[in-house]
Amino acid sequence: MSEKNSNCFETQTSPIILAATDLQLKKPHNNKKKNPIRLQKSKPPKNSVKVKPTIINIHYKWALILTIFCFFIIGPVWALYKTSELRRLIKRQELKAAERLSVKMSTVLVLSTIIGAVAWTGLLFCSVGLLLTGILLKKQYI
């Protein structure tokens, strides 16, 4: 038994040489392309609310231009006054009230634009008519 025990405890005489290429895993070469994993799309719950981005127009430039050039000035002045309130509502994150006020302002500005365009057109035709009448009277055609 002493021989058997002595063989068990013998050390290995030749060391094993490891190279870096031996440590790398060799992958089998497949010519097949793997399909990429698709992103899973989960369905929203039935009782969820869709959130839409809120864009609220302030209409400051439109109101300022109408105040300067429009014949009907009541609406644009009111809209200019309300722009400060609208900005304050947006700053306080009261988006529903701000959106309602913006819609009211745009309605008033559209009506003011229409009324102003009609007034300026009427003023233009009246002035042209008066000029033509004056020219006709001066040349004694009338």
N, C-alpha and C. Protein backbone atom coordinates (compact mmCIF):
# COMPACT_ATOMS: atom_id res chain seq x y z
N MET A 1 0.79 -1.19 0.00
CA MET A 1 0.00 0.00 0.00
C MET A 1 0.83 1.25 0.00
N SER A 2 1.95 1.10 0.44
CA SER A 2 2.80 2.27 0.47
C SER A 2 3.15 2.73 -0.94
N GLU A 3 3.22 1.80 -1.87
CA GLU A 3 3.48 2.19 -3.25
C GLU A 3 2.29 2.92 -3.86
N LYS A 4 1.12 2.43 -3.55
CA LYS A 4 -0.08 3.07 -4.09
C LYS A 4 -0.22 4.47 -3.53
N ASN A 5 0.04 4.65 -2.27
CA ASN A 5 -0.08 5.97 -1.66
C ASN A 5 0.97 6.92 -2.20
N SER A 6 2.13 6.39 -2.46
CA SER A 6 3.18 7.27 -2.96
C SER A 6 2.87 7.73 -4.38
N ASN A 7 2.20 6.92 -5.19
CA ASN A 7 1.83 7.33 -6.55
C ASN A 7 0.75 8.41 -6.53
N CYS A 8 -0.10 8.38 -5.56
CA CYS A 8 -1.19 9.36 -5.48
C CYS A 8 -0.65 10.74 -5.17
N PHE A 9 0.39 10.80 -4.41
CA PHE A 9 0.89 12.10 -3.99
C PHE A 9 2.00 12.63 -4.88
N GLU A 10 2.27 11.97 -5.94
CA GLU A 10 3.30 12.45 -6.84
C GLU A 10 2.80 13.69 -7.57
N THR A 11 3.67 14.59 -7.82
CA THR A 11 3.30 15.81 -8.53
C THR A 11 3.58 15.65 -10.01
N GLN A 12 2.93 16.45 -10.77
CA GLN A 12 3.09 16.39 -12.22
C GLN A 12 4.41 17.06 -12.60
N THR A 13 5.12 16.43 -13.43
CA THR A 13 6.44 16.93 -13.77
C THR A 13 6.42 17.94 -14.91
N SER A 14 5.53 17.80 -15.87
CA SER A 14 5.53 18.73 -17.00
C SER A 14 4.39 19.74 -16.82
N PRO A 15 4.70 21.04 -16.86
CA PRO A 15 3.63 22.03 -16.71
C PRO A 15 2.84 22.15 -18.01
N ILE A 16 1.60 22.57 -17.87
CA ILE A 16 0.72 22.78 -19.03
C ILE A 16 0.84 24.24 -19.44
N ILE A 17 1.11 24.49 -20.70
CA ILE A 17 1.26 25.85 -21.21
C ILE A 17 -0.08 26.28 -21.79
N LEU A 18 -0.58 27.39 -21.29
CA LEU A 18 -1.86 27.93 -21.77
C LEU A 18 -1.59 29.17 -22.58
N ALA A 19 -2.24 29.27 -23.71
CA ALA A 19 -2.14 30.47 -24.53
C ALA A 19 -3.46 31.21 -24.48
N ALA A 20 -3.45 32.48 -24.85
CA ALA A 20 -4.67 33.28 -24.84
C ALA A 20 -5.69 32.74 -25.83
N THR A 21 -5.24 32.16 -26.92
CA THR A 21 -6.18 31.61 -27.90
C THR A 21 -6.88 30.37 -27.34
N ASP A 22 -6.24 29.68 -26.42
CA ASP A 22 -6.88 28.51 -25.83
C ASP A 22 -7.98 28.92 -24.86
N LEU A 23 -7.90 30.11 -24.31
CA LEU A 23 -8.88 30.55 -23.32
C LEU A 23 -10.16 31.07 -23.96
N GLN A 24 -10.09 31.51 -25.21
CA GLN A 24 -11.28 32.06 -25.86
C GLN A 24 -12.21 30.93 -26.25
N LEU A 25 -13.50 31.25 -26.12
CA LEU A 25 -14.51 30.28 -26.53
C LEU A 25 -14.64 30.33 -28.04
N LYS A 26 -14.65 29.20 -28.62
CA LYS A 26 -14.81 29.15 -30.06
C LYS A 26 -16.28 29.03 -30.39
N LYS A 27 -16.74 29.96 -31.23
CA LYS A 27 -18.14 29.97 -31.62
C LYS A 27 -18.29 29.19 -32.91
N PRO A 28 -19.36 28.44 -33.00
CA PRO A 28 -19.59 27.74 -34.26
C PRO A 28 -19.98 28.76 -35.33
N HIS A 29 -19.47 28.58 -36.50
CA HIS A 29 -19.75 29.51 -37.60
C HIS A 29 -21.06 29.11 -38.26
N ASN A 30 -22.08 29.94 -38.05
CA ASN A 30 -23.37 29.74 -38.71
C ASN A 30 -23.54 30.84 -39.73
N ASN A 31 -23.94 30.48 -40.89
CA ASN A 31 -24.18 31.46 -41.93
C ASN A 31 -25.57 32.07 -41.81
N LYS A 32 -26.39 31.53 -40.95
CA LYS A 32 -27.74 32.05 -40.77
C LYS A 32 -27.68 33.30 -39.92
N LYS A 33 -28.44 34.31 -40.35
CA LYS A 33 -28.53 35.54 -39.55
C LYS A 33 -29.62 35.35 -38.51
N LYS A 34 -29.32 35.79 -37.33
CA LYS A 34 -30.32 35.72 -36.27
C LYS A 34 -31.25 36.91 -36.40
N ASN A 35 -32.53 36.67 -36.24
CA ASN A 35 -33.50 37.74 -36.27
C ASN A 35 -33.34 38.57 -35.00
N PRO A 36 -33.35 39.90 -35.15
CA PRO A 36 -33.23 40.72 -33.95
C PRO A 36 -34.48 40.56 -33.08
N ILE A 37 -34.27 40.72 -31.83
CA ILE A 37 -35.39 40.59 -30.90
C ILE A 37 -36.27 41.83 -31.05
N ARG A 38 -37.54 41.60 -31.23
CA ARG A 38 -38.48 42.69 -31.40
C ARG A 38 -38.82 43.30 -30.04
N LEU A 39 -39.02 44.60 -30.07
CA LEU A 39 -39.44 45.26 -28.85
C LEU A 39 -40.89 44.92 -28.58
N GLN A 40 -41.17 44.61 -27.37
CA GLN A 40 -42.54 44.26 -27.02
C GLN A 40 -43.32 45.54 -26.75
N LYS A 41 -44.47 45.61 -27.35
CA LYS A 41 -45.32 46.77 -27.14
C LYS A 41 -46.46 46.35 -26.24
N SER A 42 -46.55 47.00 -25.14
CA SER A 42 -47.63 46.66 -24.22
C SER A 42 -48.83 47.56 -24.51
N LYS A 43 -49.98 47.01 -24.35
CA LYS A 43 -51.20 47.77 -24.57
C LYS A 43 -51.53 48.54 -23.30
N PRO A 44 -51.99 49.79 -23.48
CA PRO A 44 -52.35 50.56 -22.29
C PRO A 44 -53.62 49.97 -21.66
N PRO A 45 -53.80 50.16 -20.39
CA PRO A 45 -55.02 49.67 -19.75
C PRO A 45 -56.25 50.33 -20.35
N LYS A 46 -57.38 49.67 -20.22
CA LYS A 46 -58.61 50.17 -20.83
C LYS A 46 -59.06 51.49 -20.22
N ASN A 47 -58.80 51.68 -18.94
CA ASN A 47 -59.27 52.90 -18.29
C ASN A 47 -58.22 54.01 -18.29
N SER A 48 -57.16 53.87 -19.10
CA SER A 48 -56.11 54.89 -19.12
C SER A 48 -56.56 56.09 -19.97
N VAL A 49 -55.97 57.21 -19.69
CA VAL A 49 -56.28 58.45 -20.40
C VAL A 49 -55.10 58.80 -21.28
N LYS A 50 -55.37 59.10 -22.54
CA LYS A 50 -54.30 59.49 -23.45
C LYS A 50 -53.94 60.95 -23.18
N VAL A 51 -52.67 61.19 -23.01
CA VAL A 51 -52.20 62.54 -22.72
C VAL A 51 -51.71 63.15 -24.03
N LYS A 52 -52.29 64.28 -24.38
CA LYS A 52 -51.85 64.97 -25.58
C LYS A 52 -51.03 66.18 -25.17
N PRO A 53 -50.05 66.54 -25.96
CA PRO A 53 -49.26 67.71 -25.60
C PRO A 53 -50.12 68.96 -25.73
N THR A 54 -50.02 69.82 -24.75
CA THR A 54 -50.84 71.01 -24.73
C THR A 54 -50.04 72.18 -25.27
N ILE A 55 -50.52 72.72 -26.37
CA ILE A 55 -49.91 73.91 -26.95
C ILE A 55 -50.95 75.01 -26.88
N ILE A 56 -50.66 76.02 -26.11
CA ILE A 56 -51.60 77.11 -25.92
C ILE A 56 -51.01 78.36 -26.57
N ASN A 57 -51.73 78.89 -27.54
CA ASN A 57 -51.28 80.09 -28.24
C ASN A 57 -51.62 81.32 -27.41
N ILE A 58 -50.70 82.26 -27.35
CA ILE A 58 -50.92 83.46 -26.55
C ILE A 58 -51.52 84.58 -27.40
N HIS A 59 -51.29 84.61 -28.68
CA HIS A 59 -51.86 85.56 -29.64
C HIS A 59 -51.42 87.00 -29.39
N TYR A 60 -50.27 87.20 -28.77
CA TYR A 60 -49.82 88.56 -28.46
C TYR A 60 -49.51 89.35 -29.73
N LYS A 61 -48.78 88.75 -30.65
CA LYS A 61 -48.39 89.46 -31.87
C LYS A 61 -49.60 89.83 -32.72
N TRP A 62 -50.53 88.88 -32.82
CA TRP A 62 -51.75 89.12 -33.60
C TRP A 62 -52.54 90.27 -33.00
N ALA A 63 -52.69 90.28 -31.68
CA ALA A 63 -53.43 91.34 -31.02
C ALA A 63 -52.73 92.69 -31.17
N LEU A 64 -51.41 92.69 -31.11
CA LEU A 64 -50.66 93.94 -31.24
C LEU A 64 -50.78 94.50 -32.66
N ILE A 65 -50.66 93.65 -33.66
CA ILE A 65 -50.79 94.11 -35.04
C ILE A 65 -52.19 94.64 -35.31
N LEU A 66 -53.21 93.95 -34.81
CA LEU A 66 -54.58 94.43 -35.01
C LEU A 66 -54.83 95.73 -34.25
N THR A 67 -54.22 95.90 -33.10
CA THR A 67 -54.39 97.14 -32.35
C THR A 67 -53.82 98.31 -33.14
N ILE A 68 -52.69 98.09 -33.80
CA ILE A 68 -52.05 99.18 -34.53
C ILE A 68 -52.78 99.48 -35.85
N PHE A 69 -53.13 98.43 -36.61
CA PHE A 69 -53.63 98.65 -37.97
C PHE A 69 -55.14 98.52 -38.15
N CYS A 70 -55.84 98.06 -37.17
CA CYS A 70 -57.25 97.73 -37.37
C CYS A 70 -58.15 98.93 -37.06
N PHE A 71 -59.24 99.02 -37.81
CA PHE A 71 -60.21 100.08 -37.58
C PHE A 71 -61.06 99.75 -36.35
N PHE A 72 -61.40 98.49 -36.18
CA PHE A 72 -62.20 98.03 -35.03
C PHE A 72 -61.23 97.64 -33.92
N ILE A 73 -61.03 98.49 -32.94
CA ILE A 73 -59.92 98.36 -32.00
C ILE A 73 -60.33 97.75 -30.65
N ILE A 74 -61.61 97.56 -30.39
CA ILE A 74 -62.06 97.07 -29.08
C ILE A 74 -61.56 95.65 -28.81
N GLY A 75 -61.70 94.76 -29.77
CA GLY A 75 -61.30 93.36 -29.60
C GLY A 75 -59.80 93.19 -29.39
N PRO A 76 -58.95 93.79 -30.23
CA PRO A 76 -57.51 93.63 -30.03
C PRO A 76 -57.00 94.20 -28.72
N VAL A 77 -57.57 95.32 -28.26
CA VAL A 77 -57.14 95.89 -26.98
C VAL A 77 -57.51 94.93 -25.85
N TRP A 78 -58.71 94.34 -25.91
CA TRP A 78 -59.12 93.35 -24.90
C TRP A 78 -58.17 92.15 -24.94
N ALA A 79 -57.81 91.70 -26.14
CA ALA A 79 -56.91 90.55 -26.26
C ALA A 79 -55.52 90.88 -25.71
N LEU A 80 -55.03 92.09 -25.95
CA LEU A 80 -53.75 92.49 -25.37
C LEU A 80 -53.81 92.49 -23.85
N TYR A 81 -54.91 92.94 -23.31
CA TYR A 81 -55.09 92.96 -21.86
C TYR A 81 -55.11 91.53 -21.30
N LYS A 82 -55.74 90.62 -22.02
CA LYS A 82 -55.89 89.24 -21.53
C LYS A 82 -54.62 88.39 -21.72
N THR A 83 -53.66 88.84 -22.52
CA THR A 83 -52.44 88.05 -22.69
C THR A 83 -51.67 87.92 -21.38
N SER A 84 -51.70 88.95 -20.55
CA SER A 84 -51.01 88.85 -19.25
C SER A 84 -51.69 87.82 -18.36
N GLU A 85 -53.02 87.79 -18.38
CA GLU A 85 -53.74 86.78 -17.60
C GLU A 85 -53.47 85.38 -18.14
N LEU A 86 -53.41 85.27 -19.45
CA LEU A 86 -53.14 83.96 -20.06
C LEU A 86 -51.75 83.45 -19.69
N ARG A 87 -50.77 84.30 -19.72
CA ARG A 87 -49.42 83.89 -19.32
C ARG A 87 -49.37 83.49 -17.85
N ARG A 88 -50.11 84.20 -17.02
CA ARG A 88 -50.17 83.86 -15.60
C ARG A 88 -50.82 82.50 -15.39
N LEU A 89 -51.87 82.20 -16.14
CA LEU A 89 -52.53 80.88 -16.03
C LEU A 89 -51.59 79.76 -16.48
N ILE A 90 -50.83 79.99 -17.53
CA ILE A 90 -49.89 78.97 -18.01
C ILE A 90 -48.79 78.76 -16.97
N LYS A 91 -48.33 79.83 -16.36
CA LYS A 91 -47.27 79.73 -15.36
C LYS A 91 -47.74 78.94 -14.13
N ARG A 92 -49.02 79.09 -13.78
CA ARG A 92 -49.58 78.36 -12.63
C ARG A 92 -50.06 76.96 -12.99
N GLN A 93 -49.84 76.55 -14.25
CA GLN A 93 -50.22 75.22 -14.75
C GLN A 93 -51.73 75.00 -14.72
N GLU A 94 -52.51 76.05 -14.89
CA GLU A 94 -53.96 75.92 -15.02
C GLU A 94 -54.27 75.87 -16.52
N LEU A 95 -54.00 74.71 -17.09
CA LEU A 95 -54.01 74.60 -18.56
C LEU A 95 -55.41 74.60 -19.15
N LYS A 96 -56.38 74.05 -18.44
CA LYS A 96 -57.76 74.05 -18.97
C LYS A 96 -58.28 75.48 -19.10
N ALA A 97 -58.12 76.27 -18.04
CA ALA A 97 -58.59 77.65 -18.07
C ALA A 97 -57.81 78.46 -19.10
N ALA A 98 -56.51 78.19 -19.22
CA ALA A 98 -55.69 78.90 -20.20
C ALA A 98 -56.12 78.56 -21.62
N GLU A 99 -56.45 77.31 -21.86
CA GLU A 99 -56.88 76.91 -23.20
C GLU A 99 -58.22 77.56 -23.56
N ARG A 100 -59.14 77.62 -22.59
CA ARG A 100 -60.44 78.28 -22.85
C ARG A 100 -60.25 79.75 -23.16
N LEU A 101 -59.38 80.42 -22.39
CA LEU A 101 -59.14 81.83 -22.62
C LEU A 101 -58.46 82.06 -23.98
N SER A 102 -57.57 81.17 -24.37
CA SER A 102 -56.91 81.29 -25.66
C SER A 102 -57.91 81.15 -26.80
N VAL A 103 -58.84 80.22 -26.66
CA VAL A 103 -59.87 80.04 -27.70
C VAL A 103 -60.76 81.27 -27.78
N LYS A 104 -61.13 81.85 -26.63
CA LYS A 104 -61.94 83.07 -26.64
C LYS A 104 -61.18 84.21 -27.32
N MET A 105 -59.90 84.32 -26.99
CA MET A 105 -59.10 85.39 -27.59
C MET A 105 -58.99 85.22 -29.10
N SER A 106 -58.79 83.99 -29.55
CA SER A 106 -58.67 83.78 -31.00
C SER A 106 -59.99 84.08 -31.71
N THR A 107 -61.11 83.75 -31.07
CA THR A 107 -62.42 84.05 -31.67
C THR A 107 -62.62 85.56 -31.78
N VAL A 108 -62.30 86.28 -30.71
CA VAL A 108 -62.45 87.74 -30.74
C VAL A 108 -61.52 88.35 -31.77
N LEU A 109 -60.30 87.82 -31.88
CA LEU A 109 -59.36 88.38 -32.86
C LEU A 109 -59.78 88.07 -34.29
N VAL A 110 -60.37 86.91 -34.54
CA VAL A 110 -60.86 86.61 -35.89
C VAL A 110 -62.00 87.56 -36.25
N LEU A 111 -62.93 87.75 -35.32
CA LEU A 111 -64.04 88.68 -35.58
C LEU A 111 -63.54 90.10 -35.77
N SER A 112 -62.57 90.51 -34.97
CA SER A 112 -62.01 91.86 -35.12
C SER A 112 -61.30 92.02 -36.45
N THR A 113 -60.62 90.96 -36.89
CA THR A 113 -59.94 91.01 -38.19
C THR A 113 -60.96 91.17 -39.31
N ILE A 114 -62.05 90.43 -39.24
CA ILE A 114 -63.09 90.51 -40.28
C ILE A 114 -63.74 91.89 -40.28
N ILE A 115 -64.10 92.37 -39.10
CA ILE A 115 -64.74 93.68 -39.01
C ILE A 115 -63.78 94.77 -39.46
N GLY A 116 -62.53 94.66 -39.07
CA GLY A 116 -61.53 95.65 -39.49
C GLY A 116 -61.29 95.63 -40.99
N ALA A 117 -61.26 94.43 -41.58
CA ALA A 117 -61.06 94.34 -43.03
C ALA A 117 -62.24 94.96 -43.78
N VAL A 118 -63.46 94.72 -43.30
CA VAL A 118 -64.64 95.31 -43.94
C VAL A 118 -64.60 96.82 -43.78
N ALA A 119 -64.22 97.29 -42.59
CA ALA A 119 -64.19 98.74 -42.36
C ALA A 119 -63.12 99.41 -43.23
N TRP A 120 -61.94 98.82 -43.32
CA TRP A 120 -60.89 99.40 -44.15
C TRP A 120 -61.26 99.35 -45.63
N THR A 121 -61.91 98.28 -46.05
CA THR A 121 -62.35 98.18 -47.45
C THR A 121 -63.39 99.25 -47.75
N GLY A 122 -64.34 99.42 -46.83
CA GLY A 122 -65.35 100.48 -47.01
C GLY A 122 -64.73 101.86 -47.02
N LEU A 123 -63.77 102.09 -46.15
CA LEU A 123 -63.09 103.38 -46.11
C LEU A 123 -62.31 103.61 -47.40
N LEU A 124 -61.69 102.56 -47.92
CA LEU A 124 -60.94 102.68 -49.16
C LEU A 124 -61.87 103.03 -50.32
N PHE A 125 -63.01 102.31 -50.43
CA PHE A 125 -63.94 102.59 -51.53
C PHE A 125 -64.57 103.97 -51.39
N CYS A 126 -64.86 104.36 -50.16
CA CYS A 126 -65.44 105.70 -49.98
C CYS A 126 -64.45 106.79 -50.36
N SER A 127 -63.19 106.63 -49.96
CA SER A 127 -62.20 107.66 -50.29
C SER A 127 -61.94 107.70 -51.79
N VAL A 128 -61.88 106.54 -52.43
CA VAL A 128 -61.70 106.51 -53.88
C VAL A 128 -62.90 107.13 -54.56
N GLY A 129 -64.09 106.85 -54.06
CA GLY A 129 -65.30 107.45 -54.64
C GLY A 129 -65.32 108.95 -54.48
N LEU A 130 -64.90 109.43 -53.32
CA LEU A 130 -64.86 110.88 -53.10
C LEU A 130 -63.82 111.55 -53.99
N LEU A 131 -62.67 110.89 -54.15
CA LEU A 131 -61.65 111.44 -55.05
C LEU A 131 -62.15 111.51 -56.49
N LEU A 132 -62.78 110.43 -56.92
CA LEU A 132 -63.31 110.43 -58.29
C LEU A 132 -64.41 111.47 -58.46
N THR A 133 -65.25 111.62 -57.47
CA THR A 133 -66.31 112.62 -57.53
C THR A 133 -65.71 114.01 -57.59
N GLY A 134 -64.68 114.25 -56.79
CA GLY A 134 -64.03 115.58 -56.81
C GLY A 134 -63.39 115.85 -58.15
N ILE A 135 -62.75 114.84 -58.73
CA ILE A 135 -62.13 115.04 -60.05
C ILE A 135 -63.20 115.29 -61.11
N LEU A 136 -64.27 114.54 -61.05
CA LEU A 136 -65.36 114.72 -62.02
C LEU A 136 -66.02 116.08 -61.88
N LEU A 137 -66.17 116.57 -60.64
CA LEU A 137 -66.79 117.87 -60.43
C LEU A 137 -65.86 118.99 -60.91
N LYS A 138 -64.56 118.79 -60.69
CA LYS A 138 -63.60 119.81 -61.09
C LYS A 138 -63.56 119.97 -62.62
N LYS A 139 -63.69 118.84 -63.31
CA LYS A 139 -63.67 118.91 -64.77
C LYS A 139 -65.07 119.17 -65.34
N GLN A 140 -66.02 119.36 -64.47
CA GLN A 140 -67.40 119.66 -64.81
C GLN A 140 -68.05 118.60 -65.68
N TYR A 141 -67.71 117.34 -65.37
CA TYR A 141 -68.40 116.24 -66.05
C TYR A 141 -69.73 115.93 -65.36
N ILE A 142 -69.84 116.36 -64.13
CA ILE A 142 -71.09 116.10 -63.38
C ILE A 142 -71.81 117.42 -63.20
